């Protein structure tokens, strides 16, 4: 099932804990800090996070889907 960019980052992480490391590797460094993650992740959708960090949503979704599928990172 494809990731929904309009879900909160926290909801995505609860469903798929491996996404924390993947998101950090994709440039969402604040998520590496559990305190920041606890405050920001429940309030921010993946779409909003991409906009704030200047990351292309389509590319992030492709990379995360590949990570979840165990495939090669783009």
C-alpha atoms as a PDB file:
ATOM      1  CA  UNK A   1       0.000   0.000   0.000  1.00  0.00           C
ATOM      2  CA  UNK A   2       1.480   3.381  -0.972  1.00  0.00           C
ATOM      3  CA  UNK A   3       2.361   5.877   1.714  1.00  0.00           C
ATOM      4  CA  UNK A   4      -0.114   8.699   2.211  1.00  0.00           C
ATOM      5  CA  UNK A   5       1.711  12.061   2.148  1.00  0.00           C
ATOM      6  CA  UNK A   6      -1.154  13.673   4.052  1.00  0.00           C
ATOM      7  CA  UNK A   7      -0.726  11.468   7.134  1.00  0.00           C
ATOM      8  CA  UNK A   8       1.344  12.814   9.964  1.00  0.00           C
ATOM      9  CA  UNK A   9       4.963  11.780  10.179  1.00  0.00           C
ATOM     10  CA  UNK A  10       4.180  10.296  13.603  1.00  0.00           C
ATOM     11  CA  UNK A  11       1.458   8.052  12.166  1.00  0.00           C
ATOM     12  CA  UNK A  12       3.783   6.867   9.404  1.00  0.00           C
ATOM     13  CA  UNK A  13       6.508   6.097  11.943  1.00  0.00           C
ATOM     14  CA  UNK A  14       4.124   4.209  14.232  1.00  0.00           C
ATOM     15  CA  UNK A  15       3.070   2.026  11.279  1.00  0.00           C
ATOM     16  CA  UNK A  16       6.621   1.653   9.929  1.00  0.00           C
ATOM     17  CA  UNK A  17       9.323   2.341  12.566  1.00  0.00           C
ATOM     18  CA  UNK A  18      12.108   1.780   9.999  1.00  0.00           C
ATOM     19  CA  UNK A  19      11.047   5.015   8.345  1.00  0.00           C
ATOM     20  CA  UNK A  20      12.739   7.093  11.057  1.00  0.00           C
ATOM     21  CA  UNK A  21      16.213   6.176   9.823  1.00  0.00           C
ATOM     22  CA  UNK A  22      15.102   6.452   6.211  1.00  0.00           C
ATOM     23  CA  UNK A  23      13.678   9.943   6.739  1.00  0.00           C
ATOM     24  CA  UNK A  24      16.818  11.084   8.543  1.00  0.00           C
ATOM     25  CA  UNK A  25      18.925   9.752   5.652  1.00  0.00           C
ATOM     26  CA  UNK A  26      16.725  11.670   3.212  1.00  0.00           C
ATOM     27  CA  UNK A  27      17.500  14.950   4.951  1.00  0.00           C
ATOM     28  CA  UNK A  28      14.925  15.187   7.711  1.00  0.00           C
ATOM     29  CA  UNK A  29      17.656  15.389  10.369  1.00  0.00           C
ATOM     30  CA  UNK A  30      15.481  16.762  13.199  1.00  0.00           C
ATOM     31  CA  UNK A  31      13.690  13.402  13.343  1.00  0.00           C
ATOM     32  CA  UNK A  32      16.873  11.856  14.722  1.00  0.00           C
ATOM     33  CA  UNK A  33      16.219  13.690  17.990  1.00  0.00           C
ATOM     34  CA  UNK A  34      13.473  11.860  19.952  1.00  0.00           C
ATOM     35  CA  UNK A  35      12.375  15.061  21.726  1.00  0.00           C
ATOM     36  CA  UNK A  36      11.941  16.965  18.469  1.00  0.00           C
ATOM     37  CA  UNK A  37      10.255  13.934  16.912  1.00  0.00           C
ATOM     38  CA  UNK A  38       7.781  13.757  19.818  1.00  0.00           C
ATOM     39  CA  UNK A  39       6.782  17.389  19.376  1.00  0.00           C
ATOM     40  CA  UNK A  40       6.878  17.875  15.607  1.00  0.00           C
ATOM     41  CA  UNK A  41       6.008  14.505  14.068  1.00  0.00           C
ATOM     42  CA  UNK A  42       2.404  14.424  15.365  1.00  0.00           C
ATOM     43  CA  UNK A  43       1.768  17.914  13.960  1.00  0.00           C
ATOM     44  CA  UNK A  44       3.410  17.611  10.563  1.00  0.00           C
ATOM     45  CA  UNK A  45       2.327  15.658   7.510  1.00  0.00           C
ATOM     46  CA  UNK A  46       4.903  14.132   5.212  1.00  0.00           C
ATOM     47  CA  UNK A  47       3.838  16.643   2.544  1.00  0.00           C
ATOM     48  CA  UNK A  48       4.455  19.561   4.929  1.00  0.00           C
ATOM     49  CA  UNK A  49       7.814  18.141   5.997  1.00  0.00           C
ATOM     50  CA  UNK A  50       8.925  17.926   2.366  1.00  0.00           C
ATOM     51  CA  UNK A  51       7.870  21.527   1.769  1.00  0.00           C
ATOM     52  CA  UNK A  52       9.692  22.769   4.888  1.00  0.00           C
ATOM     53  CA  UNK A  53      12.888  20.908   4.076  1.00  0.00           C
ATOM     54  CA  UNK A  54      12.856  21.619   0.343  1.00  0.00           C
ATOM     55  CA  UNK A  55      12.599  17.964  -0.610  1.00  0.00           C
ATOM     56  CA  UNK A  56      10.585  16.783  -3.628  1.00  0.00           C
ATOM     57  CA  UNK A  57       7.572  14.858  -2.350  1.00  0.00           C
ATOM     58  CA  UNK A  58       7.566  12.392  -5.250  1.00  0.00           C
ATOM     59  CA  UNK A  59      11.229  11.552  -4.703  1.00  0.00           C
ATOM     60  CA  UNK A  60      10.768  11.081  -0.976  1.00  0.00           C
ATOM     61  CA  UNK A  61       7.766   8.813  -1.513  1.00  0.00           C
ATOM     62  CA  UNK A  62       9.692   6.757  -4.071  1.00  0.00           C
ATOM     63  CA  UNK A  63      12.638   6.366  -1.709  1.00  0.00           C
ATOM     64  CA  UNK A  64      10.457   5.432   1.257  1.00  0.00           C
ATOM     65  CA  UNK A  65       8.450   2.937  -0.781  1.00  0.00           C
ATOM     66  CA  UNK A  66      11.716   1.353  -1.950  1.00  0.00           C
ATOM     67  CA  UNK A  67      12.937   1.185   1.648  1.00  0.00           C
ATOM     68  CA  UNK A  68       9.738  -0.521   2.787  1.00  0.00           C
ATOM     69  CA  UNK A  69       9.878  -2.960  -0.116  1.00  0.00           C
ATOM     70  CA  UNK A  70      13.480  -3.819   0.725  1.00  0.00           C
ATOM     71  CA  UNK A  71      14.588  -2.568  -2.663  1.00  0.00           C
ATOM     72  CA  UNK A  72      17.390  -0.347  -3.783  1.00  0.00           C
ATOM     73  CA  UNK A  73      17.275   3.268  -2.708  1.00  0.00           C
ATOM     74  CA  UNK A  74      16.913   5.637  -5.640  1.00  0.00           C
END
